[in-house]
Amino acid sequence: MTNELVIFVSVACVVLWLAIRQGIVVAREKRQMEISHRGESCQGRVVAIQRPFMLDACVRLYFDFVPDGKTKPLRACHIARCSPDQIRRALPVAGSTVTVRYLRERPWQAVIPRLVA
């Protein structure tokens, strides 16, 4: 009985973790689409790229940009789910200039629109 309970709790935890993770991914993609459609545009520079690692299938692009009305650059992170083939074709290289879209009320949540699905 104890072993069955441990197995049941373990499976339930894994299912719950997968459901929460999927919810986070969907919410992030909706937010990225909103920013890409409604956001203001400016130029930014890619400063670093973190490739997928271990259990994380996402690529993180860190970039600096100066939102309209600000004097100091702001660093943001665009998280993109990409296959290895898409990574080679679509990702800009570190140091390159990219178009950035952001919402005035939340400029720290900027995206690179060409990477939004």
Protein backbone atom coordinates (compact mmCIF):
# COMPACT_ATOMS: atom_id res chain seq x y z
CA MET A 1 0.00 0.00 0.00
CA THR A 2 2.80 2.43 0.87
CA ASN A 3 4.64 1.82 -2.42
CA GLU A 4 1.44 2.39 -4.40
CA LEU A 5 0.85 5.66 -2.58
CA VAL A 6 4.40 6.84 -3.27
CA ILE A 7 4.03 6.00 -6.96
CA PHE A 8 0.66 7.75 -7.15
CA VAL A 9 1.98 10.89 -5.46
CA SER A 10 5.07 10.90 -7.70
CA VAL A 11 3.01 10.59 -10.88
CA ALA A 12 0.57 13.25 -9.66
CA CYS A 13 3.48 15.63 -8.96
CA VAL A 14 4.95 15.10 -12.43
CA VAL A 15 1.57 15.70 -14.09
CA LEU A 16 1.02 18.84 -12.02
CA TRP A 17 4.52 20.12 -12.85
CA LEU A 18 3.93 19.54 -16.60
CA ALA A 19 0.56 21.32 -16.45
CA ILE A 20 2.05 24.33 -14.64
CA ARG A 21 4.98 24.47 -17.06
CA GLN A 22 2.64 24.38 -20.07
CA GLY A 23 0.53 27.15 -18.54
CA ILE A 24 3.61 29.31 -18.10
CA VAL A 25 4.66 28.71 -21.73
CA VAL A 26 1.20 29.62 -23.05
CA ALA A 27 1.05 32.78 -20.92
CA ARG A 28 4.53 33.83 -22.10
CA GLU A 29 3.62 33.28 -25.76
CA LYS A 30 0.40 35.32 -25.38
CA ARG A 31 2.36 38.15 -23.74
CA GLN A 32 4.96 38.06 -26.52
CA MET A 33 2.25 38.22 -29.20
CA GLU A 34 0.60 41.18 -27.44
CA ILE A 35 3.90 43.05 -27.20
CA SER A 36 4.73 42.23 -30.82
CA HIS A 37 1.38 43.56 -32.07
CA ARG A 38 0.80 46.57 -29.78
CA GLY A 39 4.33 47.55 -28.85
CA GLU A 40 6.47 50.44 -29.91
CA SER A 41 9.51 49.76 -32.03
CA CYS A 42 13.17 50.69 -31.59
CA GLN A 43 16.60 49.25 -32.28
CA GLY A 44 18.55 47.13 -29.83
CA ARG A 45 21.78 45.16 -29.69
CA VAL A 46 22.06 41.48 -28.81
CA VAL A 47 24.56 41.15 -25.96
CA ALA A 48 24.36 37.42 -25.18
CA ILE A 49 22.70 34.19 -26.26
CA GLN A 50 22.02 31.29 -23.94
CA ARG A 51 21.42 28.09 -25.90
CA PRO A 52 19.15 25.24 -24.72
CA PHE A 53 20.63 23.33 -21.81
CA MET A 54 19.63 20.06 -20.15
CA LEU A 55 15.84 20.01 -19.68
CA ASP A 56 15.24 23.54 -20.96
CA ALA A 57 14.38 23.66 -24.67
CA CYS A 58 14.39 27.47 -24.83
CA VAL A 59 16.92 29.91 -26.21
CA ARG A 60 17.36 33.15 -24.29
CA LEU A 61 18.53 36.25 -26.13
CA TYR A 62 19.69 39.11 -23.91
CA PHE A 63 19.63 42.51 -25.56
CA ASP A 64 20.05 46.17 -24.65
CA PHE A 65 17.82 48.93 -25.99
CA VAL A 66 16.83 52.46 -25.04
CA PRO A 67 13.05 52.90 -24.74
CA ASP A 68 11.56 56.17 -26.00
CA GLY A 69 11.89 58.87 -23.34
CA LYS A 70 14.64 57.07 -21.39
CA THR A 71 18.31 57.98 -21.28
CA LYS A 72 19.83 54.74 -20.00
CA PRO A 73 19.77 51.44 -21.86
CA LEU A 74 17.56 48.68 -20.54
CA ARG A 75 18.50 44.98 -20.70
CA ALA A 76 15.76 42.51 -21.56
CA CYS A 77 15.56 38.80 -22.31
CA HIS A 78 13.59 37.26 -25.15
CA ILE A 79 12.78 33.59 -24.53
CA ALA A 80 12.20 31.56 -27.69
CA ARG A 81 11.32 27.92 -28.10
CA CYS A 82 13.29 26.77 -31.14
CA SER A 83 14.31 23.53 -32.74
CA PRO A 84 18.06 23.14 -33.43
CA ASP A 85 17.43 23.84 -37.12
CA GLN A 86 15.50 27.03 -36.33
CA ILE A 87 18.30 28.15 -34.03
CA ARG A 88 20.84 28.05 -36.86
CA ARG A 89 18.56 29.88 -39.32
CA ALA A 90 16.66 32.46 -37.28
CA LEU A 91 18.77 33.62 -34.38
CA PRO A 92 20.81 36.78 -34.66
CA VAL A 93 24.40 36.63 -33.49
CA ALA A 94 25.72 38.41 -30.40
CA GLY A 95 26.56 42.02 -31.22
CA SER A 96 24.04 42.33 -34.04
CA THR A 97 21.39 45.05 -34.19
CA VAL A 98 17.78 43.88 -33.97
CA THR A 99 14.35 45.46 -34.01
CA VAL A 100 12.81 45.46 -30.54
CA ARG A 101 9.16 45.94 -29.59
CA TYR A 102 8.03 46.92 -26.11
CA LEU A 103 5.04 48.35 -24.29
CA ARG A 104 5.52 51.78 -22.71
CA GLU A 105 4.09 50.61 -19.40
CA ARG A 106 6.34 47.49 -19.28
CA PRO A 107 9.51 48.15 -21.30
CA TRP A 108 11.46 45.43 -19.45
CA GLN A 109 9.25 42.81 -21.17
CA ALA A 110 10.50 43.59 -24.66
CA VAL A 111 10.58 41.08 -27.52
CA ILE A 112 12.36 40.60 -30.81
CA PRO A 113 9.35 40.42 -33.17
CA ARG A 114 10.97 38.27 -35.85
CA LEU A 115 11.33 35.49 -33.25
CA VAL A 116 7.69 35.58 -32.13
CA ALA A 117 5.74 32.69 -33.65
